[in-house]
Amino acid sequence: MMGKTHGELLENNYIVQNLNDPSKILDESWITLGKALREGTLTTKGGFTALDFVAGHHMQYVHFDAGWYGNEMDNASDASTVTLDLRRSKGPFDIEAICKYAKGKGAKVMLYVNRRALEK
């Protein structure tokens, strides 16, 4: 974006909106904006603590990164199960309890899944 004045920058802001092709998702109602906090302990207690923080700071999500379904670099890891990578967390990691707690706090949970697991 370029402009000689602040006003020209506003006039030229269409460039950012047109960097991508239009969305091919017909129903976008399930997509919600929000701020996320990454939880790195992969434990139930860590999840509850992160959700308390998120709720107290008007955020919307707690993001659990790689390791909740095993080693994300191992083809044997299965993202349809909760099988902790014990090098990252000794657990326990009760995702159902965490999701229930999140709902009570008005927050949501995001889970990282890498391409290897998705393609499988």
PDB file of N, CA and C in Angstrom:
ATOM      1  N   MET A   1       0.847  -1.174   0.000  1.00  0.00           N
ATOM      2  CA  MET A   1       0.000   0.000   0.000  1.00  0.00           C
ATOM      3  C   MET A   1       0.888   1.231   0.000  1.00  0.00           C
ATOM      4  N   MET A   2       0.521   2.179  -0.791  1.00  0.00           N
ATOM      5  CA  MET A   2       1.304   3.402  -0.848  1.00  0.00           C
ATOM      6  C   MET A   2       0.370   4.604  -0.908  1.00  0.00           C
ATOM      7  N   GLY A   3       0.845   5.703  -0.403  1.00  0.00           N
ATOM      8  CA  GLY A   3       0.101   6.941  -0.475  1.00  0.00           C
ATOM      9  C   GLY A   3       0.965   8.084   0.018  1.00  0.00           C
ATOM     10  N   LYS A   4       0.742   9.250  -0.523  1.00  0.00           N
ATOM     11  CA  LYS A   4       1.503  10.423  -0.100  1.00  0.00           C
ATOM     12  C   LYS A   4       0.924  11.036   1.166  1.00  0.00           C
ATOM     13  N   THR A   5      -0.338  10.685   1.486  1.00  0.00           N
ATOM     14  CA  THR A   5      -0.986  11.208   2.693  1.00  0.00           C
ATOM     15  C   THR A   5      -1.661  10.055   3.435  1.00  0.00           C
ATOM     16  N   HIS A   6      -2.044  10.314   4.683  1.00  0.00           N
ATOM     17  CA  HIS A   6      -2.773   9.302   5.452  1.00  0.00           C
ATOM     18  C   HIS A   6      -4.078   8.941   4.752  1.00  0.00           C
ATOM     19  N   GLY A   7      -4.727   9.935   4.188  1.00  0.00           N
ATOM     20  CA  GLY A   7      -5.984   9.717   3.481  1.00  0.00           C
ATOM     21  C   GLY A   7      -5.819   8.779   2.294  1.00  0.00           C
ATOM     22  N   GLU A   8      -4.714   8.919   1.568  1.00  0.00           N
ATOM     23  CA  GLU A   8      -4.468   8.031   0.428  1.00  0.00           C
ATOM     24  C   GLU A   8      -4.239   6.595   0.885  1.00  0.00           C
ATOM     25  N   LEU A   9      -3.647   6.419   2.039  1.00  0.00           N
ATOM     26  CA  LEU A   9      -3.481   5.057   2.571  1.00  0.00           C
ATOM     27  C   LEU A   9      -4.848   4.422   2.805  1.00  0.00           C
ATOM     28  N   LEU A  10      -5.774   5.201   3.360  1.00  0.00           N
ATOM     29  CA  LEU A  10      -7.134   4.687   3.570  1.00  0.00           C
ATOM     30  C   LEU A  10      -7.821   4.390   2.239  1.00  0.00           C
ATOM     31  N   GLU A  11      -7.619   5.257   1.277  1.00  0.00           N
ATOM     32  CA  GLU A  11      -8.231   5.053  -0.035  1.00  0.00           C
ATOM     33  C   GLU A  11      -7.682   3.808  -0.727  1.00  0.00           C
ATOM     34  N   ASN A  12      -6.438   3.467  -0.452  1.00  0.00           N
ATOM     35  CA  ASN A  12      -5.789   2.332  -1.108  1.00  0.00           C
ATOM     36  C   ASN A  12      -5.847   1.043  -0.294  1.00  0.00           C
ATOM     37  N   ASN A  13      -6.663   0.984   0.747  1.00  0.00           N
ATOM     38  CA  ASN A  13      -6.664  -0.200   1.611  1.00  0.00           C
ATOM     39  C   ASN A  13      -7.298  -1.422   0.955  1.00  0.00           C
ATOM     40  N   TYR A  14      -7.875  -1.278  -0.238  1.00  0.00           N
ATOM     41  CA  TYR A  14      -8.434  -2.411  -0.953  1.00  0.00           C
ATOM     42  C   TYR A  14      -7.363  -3.443  -1.314  1.00  0.00           C
ATOM     43  N   ILE A  15      -6.115  -3.022  -1.364  1.00  0.00           N
ATOM     44  CA  ILE A  15      -5.033  -3.928  -1.735  1.00  0.00           C
ATOM     45  C   ILE A  15      -4.963  -5.088  -0.746  1.00  0.00           C
ATOM     46  N   VAL A  16      -5.004  -4.816   0.547  1.00  0.00           N
ATOM     47  CA  VAL A  16      -4.925  -5.861   1.560  1.00  0.00           C
ATOM     48  C   VAL A  16      -6.096  -6.824   1.420  1.00  0.00           C
ATOM     49  N   GLN A  17      -7.285  -6.304   1.171  1.00  0.00           N
ATOM     50  CA  GLN A  17      -8.466  -7.153   1.055  1.00  0.00           C
ATOM     51  C   GLN A  17      -8.415  -8.057  -0.164  1.00  0.00           C
ATOM     52  N   ASN A  18      -7.641  -7.698  -1.170  1.00  0.00           N
ATOM     53  CA  ASN A  18      -7.611  -8.449  -2.412  1.00  0.00           C
ATOM     54  C   ASN A  18      -6.357  -9.308  -2.578  1.00  0.00           C
ATOM     55  N   LEU A  19      -5.612  -9.538  -1.525  1.00  0.00           N
ATOM     56  CA  LEU A  19      -4.412 -10.363  -1.634  1.00  0.00           C
ATOM     57  C   LEU A  19      -4.754 -11.838  -1.843  1.00  0.00           C
ATOM     58  N   ASN A  20      -5.906 -12.257  -1.389  1.00  0.00           N
ATOM     59  CA  ASN A  20      -6.325 -13.655  -1.516  1.00  0.00           C
ATOM     60  C   ASN A  20      -7.549 -13.761  -2.403  1.00  0.00           C
ATOM     61  N   ASP A  21      -7.731 -14.946  -2.950  1.00  0.00           N
ATOM     62  CA  ASP A  21      -8.963 -15.224  -3.681  1.00  0.00           C
ATOM     63  C   ASP A  21     -10.125 -15.189  -2.698  1.00  0.00           C
ATOM     64  N   PRO A  22     -11.331 -14.936  -3.187  1.00  0.00           N
ATOM     65  CA  PRO A  22     -12.502 -14.978  -2.300  1.00  0.00           C
ATOM     66  C   PRO A  22     -12.628 -16.358  -1.640  1.00  0.00           C
ATOM     67  N   SER A  23     -13.180 -16.377  -0.457  1.00  0.00           N
ATOM     68  CA  SER A  23     -13.344 -17.631   0.279  1.00  0.00           C
ATOM     69  C   SER A  23     -14.231 -18.598  -0.484  1.00  0.00           C
ATOM     70  N   LYS A  24     -13.851 -19.876  -0.471  1.00  0.00           N
ATOM     71  CA  LYS A  24     -14.652 -20.927  -1.104  1.00  0.00           C
ATOM     72  C   LYS A  24     -15.560 -21.607  -0.082  1.00  0.00           C
ATOM     73  N   ILE A  25     -15.484 -21.164   1.169  1.00  0.00           N
ATOM     74  CA  ILE A  25     -16.337 -21.725   2.223  1.00  0.00           C
ATOM     75  C   ILE A  25     -17.710 -21.081   2.096  1.00  0.00           C
ATOM     76  N   LEU A  26     -18.714 -21.891   1.820  1.00  0.00           N
ATOM     77  CA  LEU A  26     -20.060 -21.360   1.608  1.00  0.00           C
ATOM     78  C   LEU A  26     -20.694 -20.864   2.902  1.00  0.00           C
ATOM     79  N   ASP A  27     -20.552 -21.639   3.972  1.00  0.00           N
ATOM     80  CA  ASP A  27     -21.128 -21.258   5.266  1.00  0.00           C
ATOM     81  C   ASP A  27     -19.998 -20.886   6.214  1.00  0.00           C
ATOM     82  N   GLU A  28     -19.783 -19.608   6.413  1.00  0.00           N
ATOM     83  CA  GLU A  28     -18.707 -19.130   7.281  1.00  0.00           C
ATOM     84  C   GLU A  28     -19.199 -18.806   8.692  1.00  0.00           C
ATOM     85  N   SER A  29     -20.436 -19.176   8.996  1.00  0.00           N
ATOM     86  CA  SER A  29     -21.027 -18.812  10.288  1.00  0.00           C
ATOM     87  C   SER A  29     -20.298 -19.452  11.470  1.00  0.00           C
ATOM     88  N   TRP A  30     -19.625 -20.562  11.257  1.00  0.00           N
ATOM     89  CA  TRP A  30     -18.932 -21.264  12.339  1.00  0.00           C
ATOM     90  C   TRP A  30     -17.562 -20.649  12.655  1.00  0.00           C
ATOM     91  N   ILE A  31     -17.097 -19.748  11.805  1.00  0.00           N
ATOM     92  CA  ILE A  31     -15.799 -19.111  12.006  1.00  0.00           C
ATOM     93  C   ILE A  31     -15.996 -17.909  12.926  1.00  0.00           C
ATOM     94  N   THR A  32     -15.297 -17.910  14.042  1.00  0.00           N
ATOM     95  CA  THR A  32     -15.423 -16.814  14.992  1.00  0.00           C
ATOM     96  C   THR A  32     -14.051 -16.210  15.276  1.00  0.00           C
ATOM     97  N   LEU A  33     -14.008 -14.913  15.343  1.00  0.00           N
ATOM     98  CA  LEU A  33     -12.771 -14.207  15.643  1.00  0.00           C
ATOM     99  C   LEU A  33     -12.485 -14.274  17.136  1.00  0.00           C
ATOM    100  N   GLY A  34     -11.267 -14.049  17.492  1.00  0.00           N
ATOM    101  CA  GLY A  34     -10.958 -13.984  18.905  1.00  0.00           C
ATOM    102  C   GLY A  34      -9.471 -13.996  19.175  1.00  0.00           C
ATOM    103  N   LYS A  35      -9.150 -13.760  20.420  1.00  0.00           N
ATOM    104  CA  LYS A  35      -7.767 -13.781  20.889  1.00  0.00           C
ATOM    105  C   LYS A  35      -7.522 -15.126  21.558  1.00  0.00           C
ATOM    106  N   ALA A  36      -6.325 -15.664  21.366  1.00  0.00           N
ATOM    107  CA  ALA A  36      -5.993 -16.986  21.902  1.00  0.00           C
ATOM    108  C   ALA A  36      -4.761 -16.916  22.798  1.00  0.00           C
ATOM    109  N   LEU A  37      -4.747 -17.803  23.776  1.00  0.00           N
ATOM    110  CA  LEU A  37      -3.594 -17.998  24.653  1.00  0.00           C
ATOM    111  C   LEU A  37      -3.088 -19.411  24.416  1.00  0.00           C
ATOM    112  N   ARG A  38      -1.818 -19.562  24.162  1.00  0.00           N
ATOM    113  CA  ARG A  38      -1.219 -20.888  23.962  1.00  0.00           C
ATOM    114  C   ARG A  38      -0.914 -21.498  25.320  1.00  0.00           C
ATOM    115  N   GLU A  39      -1.430 -22.696  25.528  1.00  0.00           N
ATOM    116  CA  GLU A  39      -1.171 -23.441  26.765  1.00  0.00           C
ATOM    117  C   GLU A  39      -0.102 -24.473  26.460  1.00  0.00           C
ATOM    118  N   GLY A  40       1.001 -24.448  27.166  1.00  0.00           N
ATOM    119  CA  GLY A  40       2.139 -25.294  26.829  1.00  0.00           C
ATOM    120  C   GLY A  40       2.387 -26.480  27.732  1.00  0.00           C
ATOM    121  N   THR A  41       1.681 -26.608  28.848  1.00  0.00           N
ATOM    122  CA  THR A  41       1.965 -27.725  29.747  1.00  0.00           C
ATOM    123  C   THR A  41       1.277 -29.012  29.322  1.00  0.00           C
ATOM    124  N   LEU A  42       0.222 -28.894  28.543  1.00  0.00           N
ATOM    125  CA  LEU A  42      -0.592 -30.042  28.134  1.00  0.00           C
ATOM    126  C   LEU A  42      -1.030 -30.866  29.338  1.00  0.00           C
ATOM    127  N   THR A  43      -1.549 -30.163  30.331  1.00  0.00           N
ATOM    128  CA  THR A  43      -2.116 -30.828  31.505  1.00  0.00           C
ATOM    129  C   THR A  43      -3.511 -30.257  31.764  1.00  0.00           C
ATOM    130  N   THR A  44      -4.306 -31.028  32.459  1.00  0.00           N
ATOM    131  CA  THR A  44      -5.643 -30.559  32.814  1.00  0.00           C
ATOM    132  C   THR A  44      -5.542 -29.307  33.680  1.00  0.00           C
ATOM    133  N   LYS A  45      -4.658 -29.341  34.662  1.00  0.00           N
ATOM    134  CA  LYS A  45      -4.481 -28.183  35.549  1.00  0.00           C
ATOM    135  C   LYS A  45      -4.033 -26.959  34.746  1.00  0.00           C
ATOM    136  N   GLY A  46      -3.104 -27.146  33.807  1.00  0.00           N
ATOM    137  CA  GLY A  46      -2.653 -26.047  32.966  1.00  0.00           C
ATOM    138  C   GLY A  46      -3.782 -25.499  32.111  1.00  0.00           C
ATOM    139  N   GLY A  47      -4.637 -26.394  31.620  1.00  0.00           N
ATOM    140  CA  GLY A  47      -5.789 -25.976  30.831  1.00  0.00           C
ATOM    141  C   GLY A  47      -6.748 -25.126  31.636  1.00  0.00           C
ATOM    142  N   PHE A  48      -7.046 -25.565  32.864  1.00  0.00           N
ATOM    143  CA  PHE A  48      -7.949 -24.798  33.726  1.00  0.00           C
ATOM    144  C   PHE A  48      -7.360 -23.422  34.046  1.00  0.00           C
ATOM    145  N   THR A  49      -6.074 -23.384  34.337  1.00  0.00           N
ATOM    146  CA  THR A  49      -5.403 -22.122  34.653  1.00  0.00           C
ATOM    147  C   THR A  49      -5.444 -21.179  33.454  1.00  0.00           C
ATOM    148  N   ALA A  50      -5.170 -21.713  32.268  1.00  0.00           N
ATOM    149  CA  ALA A  50      -5.212 -20.894  31.052  1.00  0.00           C
ATOM    150  C   ALA A  50      -6.624 -20.367  30.802  1.00  0.00           C
ATOM    151  N   LEU A  51      -7.628 -21.195  31.019  1.00  0.00           N
ATOM    152  CA  LEU A  51      -9.017 -20.764  30.819  1.00  0.00           C
ATOM    153  C   LEU A  51      -9.417 -19.686  31.809  1.00  0.00           C
ATOM    154  N   ASP A  52      -8.951 -19.798  33.043  1.00  0.00           N
ATOM    155  CA  ASP A  52      -9.218 -18.742  34.025  1.00  0.00           C
ATOM    156  C   ASP A  52      -8.615 -17.417  33.545  1.00  0.00           C
ATOM    157  N   PHE A  53      -7.387 -17.469  33.019  1.00  0.00           N
ATOM    158  CA  PHE A  53      -6.729 -16.268  32.519  1.00  0.00           C
ATOM    159  C   PHE A  53      -7.505 -15.696  31.340  1.00  0.00           C
ATOM    160  N   VAL A  54      -7.849 -16.550  30.387  1.00  0.00           N
ATOM    161  CA  VAL A  54      -8.580 -16.117  29.184  1.00  0.00           C
ATOM    162  C   VAL A  54      -9.895 -15.444  29.569  1.00  0.00           C
ATOM    163  N   ALA A  55     -10.639 -16.073  30.457  1.00  0.00           N
ATOM    164  CA  ALA A  55     -11.931 -15.514  30.876  1.00  0.00           C
ATOM    165  C   ALA A  55     -11.739 -14.178  31.589  1.00  0.00           C
ATOM    166  N   GLY A  56     -10.695 -14.060  32.383  1.00  0.00           N
ATOM    167  CA  GLY A  56     -10.439 -12.836  33.128  1.00  0.00           C
ATOM    168  C   GLY A  56      -9.908 -11.692  32.280  1.00  0.00           C
ATOM    169  N   HIS A  57      -9.465 -11.996  31.078  1.00  0.00           N
ATOM    170  CA  HIS A  57      -8.879 -10.970  30.210  1.00  0.00           C
ATOM    171  C   HIS A  57      -9.655 -10.795  28.908  1.00  0.00           C
ATOM    172  N   HIS A  58     -10.891 -11.204  28.913  1.00  0.00           N
ATOM    173  CA  HIS A  58     -11.794 -11.012  27.768  1.00  0.00           C
ATOM    174  C   HIS A  58     -11.217 -11.580  26.471  1.00  0.00           C
ATOM    175  N   MET A  59     -10.581 -12.742  26.608  1.00  0.00           N
ATOM    176  CA  MET A  59     -10.079 -13.461  25.443  1.00  0.00           C
ATOM    177  C   MET A  59     -11.077 -14.577  25.118  1.00  0.00           C
ATOM    178  N   GLN A  60     -10.881 -15.257  23.990  1.00  0.00           N
ATOM    179  CA  GLN A  60     -11.882 -16.211  23.552  1.00  0.00           C
ATOM    180  C   GLN A  60     -11.405 -17.665  23.492  1.00  0.00           C
ATOM    181  N   TYR A  61     -10.111 -17.899  23.334  1.00  0.00           N
ATOM    182  CA  TYR A  61      -9.623 -19.255  23.086  1.00  0.00           C
ATOM    183  C   TYR A  61      -8.421 -19.621  23.941  1.00  0.00           C
ATOM    184  N   VAL A  62      -8.314 -20.926  24.234  1.00  0.00           N
ATOM    185  CA  VAL A  62      -7.074 -21.510  24.723  1.00  0.00           C
ATOM    186  C   VAL A  62      -6.635 -22.492  23.644  1.00  0.00           C
ATOM    187  N   HIS A  63      -5.400 -22.341  23.216  1.00  0.00           N
ATOM    188  CA  HIS A  63      -4.833 -23.166  22.146  1.00  0.00           C
ATOM    189  C   HIS A  63      -3.874 -24.188  22.745  1.00  0.00           C
ATOM    190  N   PHE A  64      -4.129 -25.459  22.480  1.00  0.00           N
ATOM    191  CA  PHE A  64      -3.225 -26.530  22.921  1.00  0.00           C
ATOM    192  C   PHE A  64      -2.385 -26.939  21.725  1.00  0.00           C
ATOM    193  N   ASP A  65      -1.096 -26.807  21.871  1.00  0.00           N
ATOM    194  CA  ASP A  65      -0.175 -27.028  20.764  1.00  0.00           C
ATOM    195  C   ASP A  65       0.142 -28.517  20.608  1.00  0.00           C
ATOM    196  N   ALA A  66       1.104 -28.790  19.767  1.00  0.00           N
ATOM    197  CA  ALA A  66       1.487 -30.161  19.443  1.00  0.00           C
ATOM    198  C   ALA A  66       1.810 -30.966  20.699  1.00  0.00           C
ATOM    199  N   GLY A  67       1.549 -32.251  20.611  1.00  0.00           N
ATOM    200  CA  GLY A  67       1.891 -33.164  21.691  1.00  0.00           C
ATOM    201  C   GLY A  67       0.698 -33.811  22.348  1.00  0.00           C
ATOM    202  N   TRP A  68      -0.496 -33.316  22.137  1.00  0.00           N
ATOM    203  CA  TRP A  68      -1.682 -33.895  22.793  1.00  0.00           C
ATOM    204  C   TRP A  68      -2.103 -35.203  22.137  1.00  0.00           C
ATOM    205  N   TYR A  69      -1.710 -35.436  20.901  1.00  0.00           N
ATOM    206  CA  TYR A  69      -2.057 -36.691  20.222  1.00  0.00           C
ATOM    207  C   TYR A  69      -0.806 -37.524  19.911  1.00  0.00           C
ATOM    208  N   GLY A  70       0.268 -37.293  20.649  1.00  0.00           N
ATOM    209  CA  GLY A  70       1.528 -37.994  20.445  1.00  0.00           C
ATOM    210  C   GLY A  70       2.536 -37.074  19.780  1.00  0.00           C
ATOM    211  N   ASN A  71       3.634 -37.666  19.368  1.00  0.00           N
ATOM    212  CA  ASN A  71       4.687 -36.906  18.688  1.00  0.00           C
ATOM    213  C   ASN A  71       4.189 -36.552  17.296  1.00  0.00           C
ATOM    214  N   GLU A  72       4.031 -35.268  17.025  1.00  0.00           N
ATOM    215  CA  GLU A  72       3.448 -34.835  15.748  1.00  0.00           C
ATOM    216  C   GLU A  72       4.323 -35.170  14.550  1.00  0.00           C
ATOM    217  N   MET A  73       5.582 -35.522  14.768  1.00  0.00           N
ATOM    218  CA  MET A  73       6.472 -35.899  13.667  1.00  0.00           C
ATOM    219  C   MET A  73       6.478 -37.405  13.418  1.00  0.00           C
ATOM    220  N   ASP A  74       5.734 -38.147  14.214  1.00  0.00           N
ATOM    221  CA  ASP A  74       5.675 -39.606  14.087  1.00  0.00           C
ATOM    222  C   ASP A  74       4.414 -39.982  13.309  1.00  0.00           C
ATOM    223  N   ASN A  75       4.592 -40.718  12.221  1.00  0.00           N
ATOM    224  CA  ASN A  75       3.441 -41.113  11.407  1.00  0.00           C
ATOM    225  C   ASN A  75       2.451 -41.981  12.175  1.00  0.00           C
ATOM    226  N   ALA A  76       2.878 -42.585  13.250  1.00  0.00           N
ATOM    227  CA  ALA A  76       1.984 -43.439  14.036  1.00  0.00           C
ATOM    228  C   ALA A  76       1.065 -42.622  14.951  1.00  0.00           C
ATOM    229  N   SER A  77       1.357 -41.350  15.153  1.00  0.00           N
ATOM    230  CA  SER A  77       0.512 -40.515  16.013  1.00  0.00           C
ATOM    231  C   SER A  77      -0.872 -40.366  15.388  1.00  0.00           C
ATOM    232  N   ASP A  78      -1.891 -40.400  16.246  1.00  0.00           N
ATOM    233  CA  ASP A  78      -3.277 -40.410  15.784  1.00  0.00           C
ATOM    234  C   ASP A  78      -4.039 -39.254  16.421  1.00  0.00           C
ATOM    235  N   ALA A  79      -4.386 -38.257  15.614  1.00  0.00           N
ATOM    236  CA  ALA A  79      -5.068 -37.067  16.121  1.00  0.00           C
ATOM    237  C   ALA A  79      -6.542 -37.323  16.415  1.00  0.00           C
ATOM    238  N   SER A  80      -7.021 -38.546  16.237  1.00  0.00           N
ATOM    239  CA  SER A  80      -8.396 -38.868  16.637  1.00  0.00           C
ATOM    240  C   SER A  80      -8.428 -39.394  18.068  1.00  0.00           C
ATOM    241  N   THR A  81      -7.263 -39.416  18.706  1.00  0.00           N
ATOM    242  CA  THR A  81      -7.165 -39.852  20.101  1.00  0.00           C
ATOM    243  C   THR A  81      -6.356 -38.833  20.901  1.00  0.00           C
ATOM    244  N   VAL A  82      -6.521 -38.870  22.198  1.00  0.00           N
ATOM    245  CA  VAL A  82      -5.673 -38.069  23.087  1.00  0.00           C
ATOM    246  C   VAL A  82      -4.630 -39.022  23.654  1.00  0.00           C
ATOM    247  N   THR A  83      -3.427 -38.930  23.111  1.00  0.00           N
ATOM    248  CA  THR A  83      -2.318 -39.787  23.520  1.00  0.00           C
ATOM    249  C   THR A  83      -1.109 -38.886  23.690  1.00  0.00           C
ATOM    250  N   LEU A  84      -0.862 -38.443  24.902  1.00  0.00           N
ATOM    251  CA  LEU A  84       0.189 -37.447  25.147  1.00  0.00           C
ATOM    252  C   LEU A  84       1.558 -37.903  24.677  1.00  0.00           C
ATOM    253  N   ASP A  85       2.304 -36.955  24.133  1.00  0.00           N
ATOM    254  CA  ASP A  85       3.720 -37.148  23.875  1.00  0.00           C
ATOM    255  C   ASP A  85       4.395 -36.966  25.232  1.00  0.00           C
ATOM    256  N   LEU A  86       4.855 -38.053  25.823  1.00  0.00           N
ATOM    257  CA  LEU A  86       5.374 -38.005  27.198  1.00  0.00           C
ATOM    258  C   LEU A  86       6.664 -37.190  27.322  1.00  0.00           C
ATOM    259  N   ARG A  87       7.289 -36.839  26.210  1.00  0.00           N
ATOM    260  CA  ARG A  87       8.446 -35.946  26.269  1.00  0.00           C
ATOM    261  C   ARG A  87       8.006 -34.509  26.520  1.00  0.00           C
ATOM    262  N   ARG A  88       6.740 -34.201  26.219  1.00  0.00           N
ATOM    263  CA  ARG A  88       6.208 -32.842  26.392  1.00  0.00           C
ATOM    264  C   ARG A  88       5.384 -32.692  27.660  1.00  0.00           C
ATOM    265  N   SER A  89       4.702 -33.756  28.066  1.00  0.00           N
ATOM    266  CA  SER A  89       3.819 -33.662  29.222  1.00  0.00           C
ATOM    267  C   SER A  89       3.665 -35.024  29.879  1.00  0.00           C
ATOM    268  N   LYS A  90       3.667 -35.022  31.192  1.00  0.00           N
ATOM    269  CA  LYS A  90       3.421 -36.259  31.942  1.00  0.00           C
ATOM    270  C   LYS A  90       1.933 -36.414  32.262  1.00  0.00           C
ATOM    271  N   GLY A  91       1.132 -35.368  31.898  1.00  0.00           N
ATOM    272  CA  GLY A  91      -0.311 -35.443  32.112  1.00  0.00           C
ATOM    273  C   GLY A  91      -0.676 -35.186  33.555  1.00  0.00           C
ATOM    274  N   PRO A  92      -1.888 -35.474  33.928  1.00  0.00           N
ATOM    275  CA  PRO A  92      -2.979 -35.935  33.069  1.00  0.00           C
ATOM    276  C   PRO A  92      -3.506 -34.797  32.186  1.00  0.00           C
ATOM    277  N   PHE A  93      -4.143 -35.184  31.085  1.00  0.00           N
ATOM    278  CA  PHE A  93      -4.705 -34.224  30.140  1.00  0.00           C
ATOM    279  C   PHE A  93      -6.103 -34.703  29.770  1.00  0.00           C
ATOM    280  N   ASP A  94      -7.092 -34.209  30.513  1.00  0.00           N
ATOM    281  CA  ASP A  94      -8.489 -34.619  30.319  1.00  0.00           C
ATOM    282  C   ASP A  94      -9.179 -33.565  29.451  1.00  0.00           C
ATOM    283  N   ILE A  95      -9.141 -33.780  28.140  1.00  0.00           N
ATOM    284  CA  ILE A  95      -9.658 -32.781  27.207  1.00  0.00           C
ATOM    285  C   ILE A  95     -11.168 -32.584  27.377  1.00  0.00           C
ATOM    286  N   GLU A  96     -11.893 -33.623  27.727  1.00  0.00           N
ATOM    287  CA  GLU A  96     -13.336 -33.466  27.934  1.00  0.00           C
ATOM    288  C   GLU A  96     -13.618 -32.556  29.121  1.00  0.00           C
ATOM    289  N   ALA A  97     -12.891 -32.728  30.210  1.00  0.00           N
ATOM    290  CA  ALA A  97     -13.065 -31.856  31.375  1.00  0.00           C
ATOM    291  C   ALA A  97     -12.661 -30.424  31.042  1.00  0.00           C
ATOM    292  N   ILE A  98     -11.602 -30.270  30.266  1.00  0.00           N
ATOM    293  CA  ILE A  98     -11.142 -28.944  29.873  1.00  0.00           C
ATOM    294  C   ILE A  98     -12.196 -28.242  29.019  1.00  0.00           C
ATOM    295  N   CYS A  99     -12.771 -28.960  28.058  1.00  0.00           N
ATOM    296  CA  CYS A  99     -13.801 -28.366  27.187  1.00  0.00           C
ATOM    297  C   CYS A  99     -15.050 -27.993  27.984  1.00  0.00           C
ATOM    298  N   LYS A 100     -15.414 -28.818  28.937  1.00  0.00           N
ATOM    299  CA  LYS A 100     -16.579 -28.513  29.784  1.00  0.00           C
ATOM    300  C   LYS A 100     -16.294 -27.258  30.619  1.00  0.00           C
ATOM    301  N   TYR A 101     -15.109 -27.170  31.171  1.00  0.00           N
ATOM    302  CA  TYR A 101     -14.706 -26.009  31.955  1.00  0.00           C
ATOM    303  C   TYR A 101     -14.699 -24.751  31.074  1.00  0.00           C
ATOM    304  N   ALA A 102     -14.194 -24.901  29.842  1.00  0.00           N
ATOM    305  CA  ALA A 102     -14.165 -23.771  28.905  1.00  0.00           C
ATOM    306  C   ALA A 102     -15.565 -23.254  28.635  1.00  0.00           C
ATOM    307  N   LYS A 103     -16.495 -24.153  28.406  1.00  0.00           N
ATOM    308  CA  LYS A 103     -17.872 -23.749  28.123  1.00  0.00           C
ATOM    309  C   LYS A 103     -18.444 -22.947  29.291  1.00  0.00           C
ATOM    310  N   GLY A 104     -18.167 -23.392  30.502  1.00  0.00           N
ATOM    311  CA  GLY A 104     -18.624 -22.676  31.688  1.00  0.00           C
ATOM    312  C   GLY A 104     -17.998 -21.298  31.829  1.00  0.00           C
ATOM    313  N   LYS A 105     -16.835 -21.115  31.244  1.00  0.00           N
ATOM    314  CA  LYS A 105     -16.130 -19.827  31.295  1.00  0.00           C
ATOM    315  C   LYS A 105     -16.469 -18.942  30.090  1.00  0.00           C
ATOM    316  N   GLY A 106     -17.259 -19.466  29.148  1.00  0.00           N
ATOM    317  CA  GLY A 106     -17.579 -18.699  27.944  1.00  0.00           C
ATOM    318  C   GLY A 106     -16.420 -18.635  26.966  1.00  0.00           C
ATOM    319  N   ALA A 107     -15.532 -19.622  27.030  1.00  0.00           N
ATOM    320  CA  ALA A 107     -14.362 -19.663  26.156  1.00  0.00           C
ATOM    321  C   ALA A 107     -14.418 -20.917  25.289  1.00  0.00           C
ATOM    322  N   LYS A 108     -13.486 -21.019  24.359  1.00  0.00           N
ATOM    323  CA  LYS A 108     -13.406 -22.167  23.468  1.00  0.00           C
ATOM    324  C   LYS A 108     -11.990 -22.723  23.474  1.00  0.00           C
ATOM    325  N   VAL A 109     -11.869 -23.963  23.016  1.00  0.00           N
ATOM    326  CA  VAL A 109     -10.583 -24.660  22.959  1.00  0.00           C
ATOM    327  C   VAL A 109     -10.206 -24.899  21.506  1.00  0.00           C
ATOM    328  N   MET A 110      -8.943 -24.655  21.182  1.00  0.00           N
ATOM    329  CA  MET A 110      -8.402 -24.984  19.856  1.00  0.00           C
ATOM    330  C   MET A 110      -7.306 -26.023  20.045  1.00  0.00           C
ATOM    331  N   LEU A 111      -7.283 -27.011  19.161  1.00  0.00           N
ATOM    332  CA  LEU A 111      -6.258 -28.048  19.202  1.00  0.00           C
ATOM    333  C   LEU A 111      -5.419 -28.003  17.930  1.00  0.00           C
ATOM    334  N   TYR A 112      -4.122 -27.997  18.086  1.00  0.00           N
ATOM    335  CA  TYR A 112      -3.206 -28.035  16.947  1.00  0.00           C
ATOM    336  C   TYR A 112      -3.185 -29.443  16.376  1.00  0.00           C
ATOM    337  N   VAL A 113      -3.257 -29.537  15.059  1.00  0.00           N
ATOM    338  CA  VAL A 113      -3.051 -30.803  14.362  1.00  0.00           C
ATOM    339  C   VAL A 113      -2.192 -30.482  13.142  1.00  0.00           C
ATOM    340  N   ASN A 114      -1.102 -31.225  12.967  1.00  0.00           N
ATOM    341  CA  ASN A 114      -0.244 -30.923  11.818  1.00  0.00           C
ATOM    342  C   ASN A 114      -0.729 -31.641  10.557  1.00  0.00           C
ATOM    343  N   ARG A 115      -0.148 -31.273   9.467  1.00  0.00           N
ATOM    344  CA  ARG A 115      -0.557 -31.797   8.160  1.00  0.00           C
ATOM    345  C   ARG A 115      -0.422 -33.319   8.084  1.00  0.00           C
ATOM    346  N   ARG A 116       0.644 -33.839   8.668  1.00  0.00           N
ATOM    347  CA  ARG A 116       0.881 -35.295   8.619  1.00  0.00           C
ATOM    348  C   ARG A 116      -0.313 -36.047   9.186  1.00  0.00           C
ATOM    349  N   ALA A 117      -0.828 -35.599  10.315  1.00  0.00           N
ATOM    350  CA  ALA A 117      -1.964 -36.277  10.949  1.00  0.00           C
ATOM    351  C   ALA A 117      -3.256 -36.039  10.173  1.00  0.00           C
ATOM    352  N   LEU A 118      -3.425 -34.849   9.617  1.00  0.00           N
ATOM    353  CA  LEU A 118      -4.629 -34.551   8.859  1.00  0.00           C
ATOM    354  C   LEU A 118      -4.721 -35.372   7.573  1.00  0.00           C
ATOM    355  N   GLU A 119      -3.595 -35.522   6.891  1.00  0.00           N
ATOM    356  CA  GLU A 119      -3.602 -36.298   5.657  1.00  0.00           C
ATOM    357  C   GLU A 119      -3.871 -37.771   5.919  1.00  0.00           C
ATOM    358  N   LYS A 120      -3.439 -38.244   7.068  1.00  0.00           N
ATOM    359  CA  LYS A 120      -3.682 -39.648   7.437  1.00  0.00           C
ATOM    360  C   LYS A 120      -5.166 -39.876   7.651  1.00  0.00           C
TER     361      LYS A 120
END
